[in-house]
N, C-alpha and C. Protein backbone atom coordinates (compact mmCIF):
# COMPACT_ATOMS: atom_id res chain seq x y z
N MET A 1 38.21 -15.95 -16.43
CA MET A 1 37.52 -15.65 -15.17
C MET A 1 36.35 -14.73 -15.43
N GLY A 2 35.19 -15.08 -14.91
CA GLY A 2 34.01 -14.27 -15.13
C GLY A 2 34.07 -12.96 -14.37
N TYR A 3 33.33 -12.00 -14.87
CA TYR A 3 33.30 -10.67 -14.24
C TYR A 3 32.35 -10.70 -13.05
N ASP A 4 32.83 -10.24 -11.91
CA ASP A 4 32.03 -10.19 -10.69
C ASP A 4 31.40 -8.81 -10.57
N ASN A 5 30.09 -8.74 -10.78
CA ASN A 5 29.40 -7.45 -10.72
C ASN A 5 28.66 -7.27 -9.41
N SER A 6 29.01 -8.06 -8.40
CA SER A 6 28.31 -7.98 -7.12
C SER A 6 28.49 -6.61 -6.47
N GLY A 7 29.68 -6.03 -6.65
CA GLY A 7 29.93 -4.71 -6.07
C GLY A 7 29.05 -3.65 -6.70
N ARG A 8 28.88 -3.73 -8.02
CA ARG A 8 28.02 -2.76 -8.70
C ARG A 8 26.56 -2.95 -8.28
N ALA A 9 26.13 -4.20 -8.15
CA ALA A 9 24.75 -4.46 -7.73
C ALA A 9 24.51 -3.96 -6.32
N ALA A 10 25.50 -4.14 -5.44
CA ALA A 10 25.36 -3.66 -4.06
C ALA A 10 25.29 -2.14 -4.02
N ALA A 11 26.09 -1.49 -4.86
CA ALA A 11 26.07 -0.03 -4.90
C ALA A 11 24.73 0.48 -5.42
N ALA A 12 24.19 -0.19 -6.44
CA ALA A 12 22.90 0.22 -6.99
C ALA A 12 21.80 0.04 -5.95
N LYS A 13 21.87 -1.05 -5.19
CA LYS A 13 20.87 -1.29 -4.15
C LYS A 13 20.96 -0.24 -3.05
N ALA A 14 22.19 0.13 -2.70
CA ALA A 14 22.38 1.15 -1.67
C ALA A 14 21.88 2.51 -2.16
N ASN A 15 22.15 2.83 -3.41
CA ASN A 15 21.65 4.08 -3.98
C ASN A 15 20.13 4.11 -3.98
N ARG A 16 19.53 2.99 -4.35
CA ARG A 16 18.07 2.92 -4.38
C ARG A 16 17.49 3.14 -2.99
N ALA A 17 18.10 2.52 -2.00
CA ALA A 17 17.62 2.67 -0.63
C ALA A 17 17.73 4.12 -0.17
N ARG A 18 18.82 4.79 -0.51
CA ARG A 18 18.99 6.19 -0.12
C ARG A 18 17.97 7.09 -0.81
N VAL A 19 17.72 6.81 -2.08
CA VAL A 19 16.75 7.62 -2.83
C VAL A 19 15.35 7.42 -2.25
N LEU A 20 14.99 6.19 -1.96
CA LEU A 20 13.67 5.92 -1.39
C LEU A 20 13.50 6.60 -0.04
N ALA A 21 14.53 6.56 0.80
CA ALA A 21 14.45 7.20 2.10
C ALA A 21 14.34 8.71 1.95
N ALA A 22 15.14 9.28 1.04
CA ALA A 22 15.10 10.73 0.82
C ALA A 22 13.75 11.15 0.24
N ALA A 23 13.22 10.35 -0.67
CA ALA A 23 11.93 10.67 -1.29
C ALA A 23 10.81 10.61 -0.26
N ARG A 24 10.82 9.59 0.58
CA ARG A 24 9.79 9.49 1.61
C ARG A 24 9.82 10.71 2.52
N ALA A 25 11.01 11.08 2.96
CA ALA A 25 11.13 12.24 3.84
C ALA A 25 10.64 13.51 3.14
N SER A 26 10.95 13.64 1.86
CA SER A 26 10.55 14.84 1.12
C SER A 26 9.04 14.88 0.92
N PHE A 27 8.44 13.75 0.54
CA PHE A 27 6.98 13.73 0.35
C PHE A 27 6.26 14.03 1.65
N LEU A 28 6.74 13.48 2.75
CA LEU A 28 6.07 13.71 4.04
C LEU A 28 6.24 15.14 4.52
N GLU A 29 7.38 15.73 4.24
CA GLU A 29 7.63 17.10 4.71
C GLU A 29 7.09 18.16 3.76
N GLY A 30 7.31 17.97 2.48
CA GLY A 30 6.95 19.00 1.52
C GLY A 30 5.73 18.70 0.67
N GLY A 31 5.20 17.48 0.81
CA GLY A 31 4.05 17.12 0.00
C GLY A 31 4.45 16.84 -1.44
N TRP A 32 3.43 16.64 -2.26
CA TRP A 32 3.67 16.36 -3.67
C TRP A 32 4.31 17.55 -4.37
N ALA A 33 3.74 18.72 -4.20
CA ALA A 33 4.24 19.91 -4.90
C ALA A 33 5.64 20.29 -4.44
N GLY A 34 5.94 20.05 -3.18
CA GLY A 34 7.23 20.46 -2.62
C GLY A 34 8.35 19.48 -2.86
N THR A 35 8.06 18.37 -3.51
CA THR A 35 9.09 17.36 -3.78
C THR A 35 9.53 17.44 -5.23
N THR A 36 10.84 17.48 -5.44
CA THR A 36 11.40 17.49 -6.79
C THR A 36 12.44 16.39 -6.92
N ILE A 37 12.64 15.92 -8.13
CA ILE A 37 13.67 14.92 -8.38
C ILE A 37 15.04 15.48 -7.99
N ARG A 38 15.26 16.73 -8.30
CA ARG A 38 16.55 17.35 -7.95
C ARG A 38 16.78 17.35 -6.45
N GLY A 39 15.77 17.73 -5.69
CA GLY A 39 15.90 17.77 -4.25
C GLY A 39 16.13 16.39 -3.66
N VAL A 40 15.42 15.40 -4.18
CA VAL A 40 15.59 14.03 -3.70
C VAL A 40 17.00 13.54 -4.01
N ALA A 41 17.46 13.81 -5.22
CA ALA A 41 18.81 13.38 -5.61
C ALA A 41 19.87 14.01 -4.71
N GLU A 42 19.74 15.28 -4.44
CA GLU A 42 20.71 15.96 -3.57
C GLU A 42 20.70 15.37 -2.17
N ALA A 43 19.51 15.12 -1.64
CA ALA A 43 19.40 14.57 -0.29
C ALA A 43 19.96 13.15 -0.22
N ALA A 44 19.83 12.40 -1.32
CA ALA A 44 20.31 11.03 -1.34
C ALA A 44 21.79 10.92 -1.71
N GLY A 45 22.36 12.02 -2.19
CA GLY A 45 23.76 12.00 -2.59
C GLY A 45 24.02 11.29 -3.90
N VAL A 46 23.03 11.36 -4.80
CA VAL A 46 23.18 10.76 -6.12
C VAL A 46 22.83 11.80 -7.18
N SER A 47 23.08 11.47 -8.43
CA SER A 47 22.74 12.39 -9.50
C SER A 47 21.26 12.31 -9.85
N GLN A 48 20.75 13.37 -10.46
CA GLN A 48 19.36 13.34 -10.94
C GLN A 48 19.19 12.23 -11.98
N GLU A 49 20.23 12.03 -12.79
CA GLU A 49 20.18 10.99 -13.81
C GLU A 49 19.95 9.61 -13.17
N THR A 50 20.60 9.38 -12.03
CA THR A 50 20.41 8.10 -11.34
C THR A 50 18.97 7.91 -10.92
N VAL A 51 18.36 8.96 -10.41
CA VAL A 51 16.97 8.88 -9.97
C VAL A 51 16.06 8.63 -11.16
N TYR A 52 16.28 9.37 -12.24
CA TYR A 52 15.44 9.19 -13.43
C TYR A 52 15.60 7.79 -14.03
N LYS A 53 16.85 7.29 -14.09
CA LYS A 53 17.09 5.97 -14.67
C LYS A 53 16.46 4.87 -13.82
N THR A 54 16.46 5.07 -12.51
CA THR A 54 15.95 4.04 -11.61
C THR A 54 14.44 4.06 -11.49
N PHE A 55 13.86 5.27 -11.45
CA PHE A 55 12.43 5.37 -11.17
C PHE A 55 11.62 6.02 -12.28
N GLY A 56 12.22 6.88 -13.07
CA GLY A 56 11.47 7.56 -14.13
C GLY A 56 10.86 8.85 -13.63
N THR A 57 9.55 8.90 -13.53
CA THR A 57 8.85 10.12 -13.16
C THR A 57 8.72 10.27 -11.64
N LYS A 58 8.29 11.46 -11.22
CA LYS A 58 8.05 11.69 -9.79
C LYS A 58 6.92 10.80 -9.29
N ALA A 59 5.90 10.60 -10.12
CA ALA A 59 4.80 9.72 -9.74
C ALA A 59 5.28 8.29 -9.54
N ALA A 60 6.19 7.83 -10.40
CA ALA A 60 6.74 6.49 -10.26
C ALA A 60 7.58 6.39 -8.99
N LEU A 61 8.26 7.46 -8.65
CA LEU A 61 9.04 7.48 -7.41
C LEU A 61 8.12 7.40 -6.20
N LEU A 62 7.02 8.14 -6.22
CA LEU A 62 6.05 8.08 -5.13
C LEU A 62 5.47 6.67 -5.03
N LYS A 63 5.19 6.04 -6.16
CA LYS A 63 4.66 4.68 -6.14
C LYS A 63 5.66 3.72 -5.51
N ALA A 64 6.95 3.89 -5.83
CA ALA A 64 7.97 3.02 -5.26
C ALA A 64 8.05 3.20 -3.74
N VAL A 65 7.98 4.45 -3.29
CA VAL A 65 7.99 4.72 -1.86
C VAL A 65 6.75 4.11 -1.20
N HIS A 66 5.62 4.25 -1.86
CA HIS A 66 4.37 3.69 -1.35
C HIS A 66 4.42 2.17 -1.30
N ASP A 67 5.00 1.55 -2.32
CA ASP A 67 5.12 0.09 -2.36
C ASP A 67 5.92 -0.42 -1.17
N VAL A 68 6.99 0.29 -0.83
CA VAL A 68 7.80 -0.09 0.33
C VAL A 68 6.98 0.04 1.61
N ALA A 69 6.20 1.11 1.70
CA ALA A 69 5.36 1.30 2.88
C ALA A 69 4.30 0.21 2.96
N MET A 70 3.73 -0.16 1.84
CA MET A 70 2.71 -1.21 1.82
C MET A 70 3.29 -2.54 2.28
N ALA A 71 4.45 -2.89 1.74
CA ALA A 71 5.04 -4.20 2.01
C ALA A 71 5.82 -4.25 3.31
N GLY A 72 6.41 -3.12 3.70
CA GLY A 72 7.24 -3.08 4.89
C GLY A 72 8.72 -3.07 4.60
N ASP A 73 9.10 -3.36 3.36
CA ASP A 73 10.49 -3.32 2.95
C ASP A 73 10.56 -3.28 1.43
N ASP A 74 11.76 -3.27 0.89
CA ASP A 74 11.93 -3.16 -0.56
C ASP A 74 12.29 -4.50 -1.20
N GLU A 75 12.04 -5.58 -0.50
CA GLU A 75 12.34 -6.90 -1.06
C GLU A 75 11.31 -7.27 -2.12
N PRO A 76 11.72 -8.07 -3.12
CA PRO A 76 10.80 -8.42 -4.23
C PRO A 76 9.81 -9.53 -3.83
N VAL A 77 9.02 -9.26 -2.80
CA VAL A 77 8.00 -10.20 -2.34
C VAL A 77 6.67 -9.47 -2.35
N SER A 78 5.69 -10.01 -3.05
CA SER A 78 4.41 -9.32 -3.17
C SER A 78 3.68 -9.30 -1.83
N VAL A 79 2.77 -8.34 -1.68
CA VAL A 79 1.96 -8.26 -0.47
C VAL A 79 1.18 -9.56 -0.26
N ALA A 80 0.72 -10.16 -1.34
CA ALA A 80 -0.06 -11.39 -1.26
C ALA A 80 0.73 -12.56 -0.70
N ASP A 81 2.06 -12.49 -0.79
CA ASP A 81 2.89 -13.59 -0.31
C ASP A 81 3.50 -13.31 1.06
N ARG A 82 3.09 -12.23 1.69
CA ARG A 82 3.64 -11.89 2.99
C ARG A 82 2.79 -12.48 4.12
N PRO A 83 3.34 -12.50 5.34
CA PRO A 83 2.67 -13.19 6.45
C PRO A 83 1.23 -12.75 6.71
N ALA A 84 0.95 -11.46 6.63
CA ALA A 84 -0.41 -10.99 6.93
C ALA A 84 -1.42 -11.60 5.97
N ALA A 85 -1.10 -11.62 4.68
CA ALA A 85 -2.01 -12.20 3.69
C ALA A 85 -2.09 -13.72 3.85
N GLN A 86 -0.99 -14.33 4.23
CA GLN A 86 -1.01 -15.78 4.45
C GLN A 86 -1.92 -16.14 5.62
N ARG A 87 -1.95 -15.28 6.64
CA ARG A 87 -2.84 -15.54 7.78
C ARG A 87 -4.30 -15.44 7.37
N VAL A 88 -4.61 -14.55 6.42
CA VAL A 88 -5.98 -14.45 5.92
C VAL A 88 -6.36 -15.76 5.23
N ARG A 89 -5.47 -16.27 4.40
CA ARG A 89 -5.76 -17.51 3.67
C ARG A 89 -5.80 -18.73 4.59
N ALA A 90 -5.08 -18.65 5.71
CA ALA A 90 -5.01 -19.79 6.62
C ALA A 90 -6.20 -19.86 7.57
N ALA A 91 -7.03 -18.83 7.61
CA ALA A 91 -8.18 -18.82 8.52
C ALA A 91 -9.08 -20.03 8.25
N THR A 92 -9.62 -20.60 9.33
CA THR A 92 -10.42 -21.82 9.19
C THR A 92 -11.92 -21.59 9.30
N ASN A 93 -12.32 -20.35 9.60
CA ASN A 93 -13.75 -20.03 9.66
C ASN A 93 -13.95 -18.55 9.38
N PRO A 94 -15.19 -18.12 9.11
CA PRO A 94 -15.42 -16.71 8.75
C PRO A 94 -14.97 -15.73 9.82
N GLU A 95 -15.12 -16.07 11.09
CA GLU A 95 -14.71 -15.16 12.16
C GLU A 95 -13.20 -14.93 12.11
N GLU A 96 -12.44 -15.99 11.96
CA GLU A 96 -10.99 -15.86 11.84
C GLU A 96 -10.62 -15.09 10.57
N GLY A 97 -11.35 -15.35 9.50
CA GLY A 97 -11.07 -14.67 8.24
C GLY A 97 -11.28 -13.18 8.35
N ALA A 98 -12.37 -12.75 8.97
CA ALA A 98 -12.65 -11.32 9.14
C ALA A 98 -11.58 -10.67 10.00
N ALA A 99 -11.21 -11.33 11.10
CA ALA A 99 -10.21 -10.77 12.01
C ALA A 99 -8.84 -10.66 11.33
N ALA A 100 -8.46 -11.69 10.58
CA ALA A 100 -7.16 -11.68 9.90
C ALA A 100 -7.12 -10.62 8.80
N TYR A 101 -8.22 -10.49 8.08
CA TYR A 101 -8.27 -9.48 7.00
C TYR A 101 -8.21 -8.08 7.58
N ALA A 102 -8.93 -7.83 8.67
CA ALA A 102 -8.92 -6.51 9.29
C ALA A 102 -7.54 -6.19 9.84
N ALA A 103 -6.86 -7.18 10.39
CA ALA A 103 -5.50 -6.97 10.91
C ALA A 103 -4.55 -6.61 9.78
N MET A 104 -4.69 -7.30 8.65
CA MET A 104 -3.85 -6.99 7.50
C MET A 104 -4.11 -5.58 6.99
N ALA A 105 -5.40 -5.21 6.88
CA ALA A 105 -5.75 -3.87 6.40
C ALA A 105 -5.19 -2.80 7.33
N ARG A 106 -5.27 -3.04 8.63
CA ARG A 106 -4.72 -2.08 9.59
C ARG A 106 -3.21 -1.95 9.43
N GLU A 107 -2.53 -3.08 9.32
CA GLU A 107 -1.07 -3.08 9.19
C GLU A 107 -0.63 -2.27 7.99
N ILE A 108 -1.29 -2.50 6.86
CA ILE A 108 -0.93 -1.80 5.63
C ILE A 108 -1.29 -0.32 5.73
N SER A 109 -2.48 -0.02 6.25
CA SER A 109 -2.94 1.36 6.33
C SER A 109 -2.05 2.19 7.25
N GLU A 110 -1.62 1.61 8.35
CA GLU A 110 -0.78 2.37 9.27
C GLU A 110 0.60 2.65 8.69
N ARG A 111 1.13 1.71 7.91
CA ARG A 111 2.43 1.95 7.30
C ARG A 111 2.34 2.97 6.17
N ALA A 112 1.28 2.84 5.36
CA ALA A 112 1.16 3.68 4.17
C ALA A 112 0.37 4.96 4.42
N GLY A 113 -0.30 5.05 5.57
CA GLY A 113 -1.18 6.18 5.84
C GLY A 113 -0.56 7.56 5.67
N PRO A 114 0.61 7.80 6.23
CA PRO A 114 1.21 9.14 6.08
C PRO A 114 1.41 9.54 4.62
N LEU A 115 1.84 8.60 3.79
CA LEU A 115 2.00 8.91 2.37
C LEU A 115 0.66 9.12 1.69
N MET A 116 -0.33 8.36 2.10
CA MET A 116 -1.65 8.52 1.50
C MET A 116 -2.24 9.89 1.82
N ARG A 117 -1.92 10.43 2.99
CA ARG A 117 -2.38 11.78 3.32
C ARG A 117 -1.82 12.79 2.33
N VAL A 118 -0.56 12.59 1.94
CA VAL A 118 0.06 13.47 0.94
C VAL A 118 -0.70 13.38 -0.37
N MET A 119 -0.98 12.16 -0.80
CA MET A 119 -1.66 11.97 -2.08
C MET A 119 -3.07 12.54 -2.05
N LEU A 120 -3.81 12.22 -0.99
CA LEU A 120 -5.19 12.67 -0.91
C LEU A 120 -5.29 14.19 -0.86
N ALA A 121 -4.32 14.81 -0.23
CA ALA A 121 -4.33 16.27 -0.12
C ALA A 121 -4.03 16.95 -1.46
N SER A 122 -3.39 16.21 -2.37
CA SER A 122 -2.94 16.80 -3.63
C SER A 122 -3.74 16.36 -4.84
N ARG A 123 -4.72 15.47 -4.65
CA ARG A 123 -5.47 14.97 -5.79
C ARG A 123 -6.21 16.09 -6.50
N GLY A 124 -6.24 15.98 -7.82
CA GLY A 124 -6.93 16.96 -8.63
C GLY A 124 -6.02 18.03 -9.21
N GLY A 125 -4.77 18.06 -8.75
CA GLY A 125 -3.89 19.12 -9.20
C GLY A 125 -2.80 18.68 -10.14
N ASP A 126 -2.67 17.38 -10.39
CA ASP A 126 -1.58 16.90 -11.23
C ASP A 126 -2.02 15.63 -11.95
N ALA A 127 -1.83 15.61 -13.26
CA ALA A 127 -2.29 14.47 -14.07
C ALA A 127 -1.54 13.20 -13.71
N ASP A 128 -0.22 13.29 -13.47
CA ASP A 128 0.57 12.11 -13.12
C ASP A 128 0.11 11.54 -11.78
N LEU A 129 -0.18 12.42 -10.83
CA LEU A 129 -0.64 11.97 -9.52
C LEU A 129 -2.01 11.31 -9.63
N GLU A 130 -2.87 11.84 -10.47
CA GLU A 130 -4.18 11.23 -10.67
C GLU A 130 -4.05 9.84 -11.29
N ALA A 131 -3.14 9.71 -12.23
CA ALA A 131 -2.91 8.40 -12.85
C ALA A 131 -2.38 7.41 -11.82
N TYR A 132 -1.50 7.88 -10.97
CA TYR A 132 -0.95 7.04 -9.91
C TYR A 132 -2.06 6.61 -8.94
N ALA A 133 -2.91 7.55 -8.56
CA ALA A 133 -4.02 7.23 -7.64
C ALA A 133 -4.96 6.21 -8.26
N ALA A 134 -5.22 6.34 -9.55
CA ALA A 134 -6.09 5.37 -10.23
C ALA A 134 -5.45 3.99 -10.24
N THR A 135 -4.13 3.94 -10.40
CA THR A 135 -3.41 2.67 -10.38
C THR A 135 -3.53 2.00 -9.02
N LEU A 136 -3.41 2.80 -7.95
CA LEU A 136 -3.55 2.24 -6.61
C LEU A 136 -4.95 1.70 -6.38
N ASP A 137 -5.95 2.43 -6.85
CA ASP A 137 -7.33 1.96 -6.71
C ASP A 137 -7.52 0.62 -7.42
N GLU A 138 -6.93 0.49 -8.61
CA GLU A 138 -7.04 -0.74 -9.39
C GLU A 138 -6.32 -1.89 -8.69
N GLN A 139 -5.13 -1.60 -8.14
CA GLN A 139 -4.39 -2.64 -7.43
C GLN A 139 -5.16 -3.11 -6.20
N ARG A 140 -5.79 -2.18 -5.51
CA ARG A 140 -6.58 -2.56 -4.33
C ARG A 140 -7.76 -3.43 -4.74
N LEU A 141 -8.36 -3.12 -5.89
CA LEU A 141 -9.48 -3.92 -6.39
C LEU A 141 -9.03 -5.33 -6.73
N ILE A 142 -7.85 -5.45 -7.33
CA ILE A 142 -7.32 -6.77 -7.67
C ILE A 142 -7.08 -7.59 -6.40
N GLY A 143 -6.46 -6.96 -5.41
CA GLY A 143 -6.21 -7.66 -4.16
C GLY A 143 -7.49 -8.08 -3.47
N THR A 144 -8.47 -7.19 -3.47
CA THR A 144 -9.76 -7.50 -2.86
C THR A 144 -10.44 -8.66 -3.58
N THR A 145 -10.37 -8.67 -4.89
CA THR A 145 -10.98 -9.74 -5.68
C THR A 145 -10.37 -11.10 -5.34
N ILE A 146 -9.07 -11.13 -5.12
CA ILE A 146 -8.39 -12.38 -4.78
C ILE A 146 -8.92 -12.93 -3.46
N HIS A 147 -9.02 -12.06 -2.45
CA HIS A 147 -9.48 -12.53 -1.15
C HIS A 147 -10.97 -12.91 -1.17
N ILE A 148 -11.76 -12.15 -1.91
CA ILE A 148 -13.17 -12.52 -2.02
C ILE A 148 -13.30 -13.88 -2.70
N GLY A 149 -12.49 -14.13 -3.71
CA GLY A 149 -12.51 -15.42 -4.38
C GLY A 149 -12.19 -16.56 -3.42
N HIS A 150 -11.24 -16.32 -2.52
CA HIS A 150 -10.90 -17.32 -1.51
C HIS A 150 -12.10 -17.60 -0.61
N TRP A 151 -12.79 -16.54 -0.21
CA TRP A 151 -13.97 -16.72 0.65
C TRP A 151 -15.11 -17.40 -0.09
N VAL A 152 -15.22 -17.14 -1.39
CA VAL A 152 -16.23 -17.83 -2.19
C VAL A 152 -15.95 -19.34 -2.20
N GLU A 153 -14.69 -19.70 -2.39
CA GLU A 153 -14.32 -21.11 -2.39
C GLU A 153 -14.64 -21.78 -1.06
N ARG A 154 -14.54 -21.04 0.01
CA ARG A 154 -14.83 -21.59 1.33
C ARG A 154 -16.33 -21.62 1.64
N GLY A 155 -17.12 -20.95 0.80
CA GLY A 155 -18.55 -20.88 1.05
C GLY A 155 -18.91 -19.94 2.18
N TRP A 156 -18.11 -18.90 2.38
CA TRP A 156 -18.28 -18.02 3.54
C TRP A 156 -19.09 -16.76 3.24
N LEU A 157 -19.32 -16.44 1.98
CA LEU A 157 -19.97 -15.17 1.66
C LEU A 157 -21.46 -15.22 1.96
N ARG A 158 -21.99 -14.11 2.44
CA ARG A 158 -23.43 -14.00 2.65
C ARG A 158 -24.08 -13.16 1.56
N THR A 159 -23.30 -12.70 0.59
CA THR A 159 -23.82 -11.82 -0.45
C THR A 159 -23.17 -12.15 -1.78
N ASP A 160 -23.62 -11.51 -2.84
CA ASP A 160 -23.07 -11.71 -4.18
C ASP A 160 -21.59 -11.34 -4.19
N PRO A 161 -20.73 -12.17 -4.82
CA PRO A 161 -19.29 -11.90 -4.82
C PRO A 161 -18.91 -10.54 -5.37
N THR A 162 -19.56 -10.10 -6.44
CA THR A 162 -19.22 -8.80 -7.02
C THR A 162 -19.58 -7.68 -6.04
N HIS A 163 -20.74 -7.80 -5.43
CA HIS A 163 -21.14 -6.80 -4.43
C HIS A 163 -20.18 -6.83 -3.24
N ALA A 164 -19.82 -8.02 -2.79
CA ALA A 164 -18.90 -8.15 -1.66
C ALA A 164 -17.54 -7.52 -1.99
N ARG A 165 -17.06 -7.78 -3.19
CA ARG A 165 -15.79 -7.19 -3.61
C ARG A 165 -15.83 -5.67 -3.56
N ASP A 166 -16.90 -5.10 -4.10
CA ASP A 166 -17.01 -3.64 -4.14
C ASP A 166 -17.11 -3.04 -2.74
N VAL A 167 -17.87 -3.70 -1.86
CA VAL A 167 -18.02 -3.19 -0.50
C VAL A 167 -16.69 -3.22 0.24
N VAL A 168 -15.97 -4.34 0.14
CA VAL A 168 -14.68 -4.44 0.83
C VAL A 168 -13.68 -3.45 0.24
N TRP A 169 -13.69 -3.30 -1.07
CA TRP A 169 -12.81 -2.33 -1.74
C TRP A 169 -13.02 -0.93 -1.17
N MET A 170 -14.27 -0.57 -0.93
CA MET A 170 -14.56 0.74 -0.35
C MET A 170 -14.18 0.80 1.12
N LEU A 171 -14.44 -0.27 1.86
CA LEU A 171 -14.15 -0.27 3.29
C LEU A 171 -12.67 -0.07 3.57
N ILE A 172 -11.79 -0.66 2.74
CA ILE A 172 -10.36 -0.56 2.99
C ILE A 172 -9.71 0.59 2.22
N SER A 173 -10.53 1.47 1.68
CA SER A 173 -9.99 2.65 0.99
C SER A 173 -9.13 3.48 1.94
N PRO A 174 -8.01 4.02 1.47
CA PRO A 174 -7.20 4.91 2.30
C PRO A 174 -8.00 6.09 2.83
N ALA A 175 -8.96 6.56 2.04
CA ALA A 175 -9.77 7.70 2.48
C ALA A 175 -10.59 7.35 3.71
N VAL A 176 -11.10 6.12 3.76
CA VAL A 176 -11.87 5.68 4.93
C VAL A 176 -10.96 5.59 6.14
N HIS A 177 -9.80 5.00 5.98
CA HIS A 177 -8.86 4.92 7.10
C HIS A 177 -8.48 6.30 7.60
N GLU A 178 -8.26 7.24 6.68
CA GLU A 178 -7.90 8.59 7.08
C GLU A 178 -9.03 9.27 7.85
N MET A 179 -10.27 8.95 7.50
CA MET A 179 -11.39 9.53 8.24
C MET A 179 -11.41 9.01 9.68
N THR A 180 -11.08 7.74 9.87
CA THR A 180 -11.05 7.21 11.24
C THR A 180 -9.93 7.87 12.04
N VAL A 181 -8.81 8.13 11.39
CA VAL A 181 -7.70 8.83 12.06
C VAL A 181 -8.14 10.24 12.45
N ALA A 182 -8.82 10.91 11.52
CA ALA A 182 -9.27 12.28 11.78
C ALA A 182 -10.26 12.34 12.94
N ARG A 183 -11.02 11.27 13.14
CA ARG A 183 -11.99 11.22 14.23
C ARG A 183 -11.37 10.75 15.54
N GLY A 184 -10.06 10.53 15.52
CA GLY A 184 -9.37 10.16 16.74
C GLY A 184 -9.39 8.69 17.07
N TRP A 185 -9.78 7.85 16.11
CA TRP A 185 -9.79 6.42 16.37
C TRP A 185 -8.37 5.89 16.49
N SER A 186 -8.19 4.91 17.35
CA SER A 186 -6.91 4.21 17.46
C SER A 186 -6.85 3.11 16.41
N GLY A 187 -5.67 2.51 16.27
CA GLY A 187 -5.55 1.38 15.37
C GLY A 187 -6.43 0.22 15.79
N ASP A 188 -6.55 0.02 17.10
CA ASP A 188 -7.43 -1.04 17.60
C ASP A 188 -8.88 -0.76 17.24
N ASP A 189 -9.28 0.52 17.34
CA ASP A 189 -10.65 0.91 16.99
C ASP A 189 -10.95 0.57 15.53
N TYR A 190 -10.01 0.95 14.65
CA TYR A 190 -10.19 0.70 13.22
C TYR A 190 -10.28 -0.79 12.94
N GLU A 191 -9.38 -1.56 13.53
CA GLU A 191 -9.35 -3.00 13.29
C GLU A 191 -10.63 -3.67 13.79
N SER A 192 -11.10 -3.27 14.97
CA SER A 192 -12.33 -3.86 15.52
C SER A 192 -13.53 -3.51 14.67
N TRP A 193 -13.60 -2.24 14.23
CA TRP A 193 -14.72 -1.81 13.39
C TRP A 193 -14.73 -2.58 12.08
N LEU A 194 -13.57 -2.74 11.45
CA LEU A 194 -13.53 -3.43 10.17
C LEU A 194 -13.87 -4.91 10.34
N THR A 195 -13.40 -5.52 11.41
CA THR A 195 -13.74 -6.92 11.67
C THR A 195 -15.24 -7.09 11.82
N GLU A 196 -15.84 -6.24 12.64
CA GLU A 196 -17.28 -6.34 12.88
C GLU A 196 -18.08 -6.06 11.60
N THR A 197 -17.62 -5.12 10.79
CA THR A 197 -18.33 -4.77 9.57
C THR A 197 -18.26 -5.91 8.55
N LEU A 198 -17.09 -6.53 8.42
CA LEU A 198 -16.96 -7.67 7.51
C LEU A 198 -17.86 -8.82 7.95
N ARG A 199 -17.93 -9.05 9.23
CA ARG A 199 -18.78 -10.13 9.74
C ARG A 199 -20.26 -9.81 9.54
N ALA A 200 -20.62 -8.55 9.63
CA ALA A 200 -22.02 -8.17 9.51
C ALA A 200 -22.50 -8.11 8.07
N LEU A 201 -21.62 -7.67 7.17
CA LEU A 201 -22.04 -7.40 5.79
C LEU A 201 -21.57 -8.44 4.77
N ILE A 202 -20.45 -9.08 5.01
CA ILE A 202 -19.81 -9.87 3.98
C ILE A 202 -19.80 -11.37 4.26
N LEU A 203 -19.48 -11.74 5.49
CA LEU A 203 -19.25 -13.14 5.80
C LEU A 203 -20.40 -13.77 6.59
N ARG A 204 -20.64 -15.02 6.35
CA ARG A 204 -21.67 -15.73 7.08
C ARG A 204 -21.28 -15.90 8.55
N PRO A 205 -22.26 -15.96 9.45
CA PRO A 205 -21.93 -16.20 10.86
C PRO A 205 -21.45 -17.63 11.07
């Protein structure tokens, strides 16, 4: 009879969920400097060894928490394969494409925004955090390149693809979203502005 390890897998999944929840709460309350692996482990009811074995460094733990915020859950489905990104690819004209892309950017920014405030407030003070921030910038560039490539295939771009990629990469930067929040913009304001900007600068009428 084969060994059934489903119970162990379920326990590991439950531990991971508790650690992620505890880490998110700690980062939001105490910031980067105020969060420790020990504190997260105690709050989650697991050992420090469990946290280290599962996530490694504090920066890797923050990335895991951020990934959940970006995607909306901890399931192994990439952002590119989720409904918001699928709606961008399903758009049939530039106007729909701009609106769908802005809606996706808003959805992601609102979920991940609180964590990004923690990161932005702490940049420059920790080498691991800087490396993590650089990784996020690179991932955003990759995602932007994919969508720009889709628009190139559709013949929708009004500008050079490389220039378009760089402009969109900057427009959807967490720092830009945080500035709109600081100015009191609503989510609808941000989404409308991004839609209009994409239509004006990136996509053909």
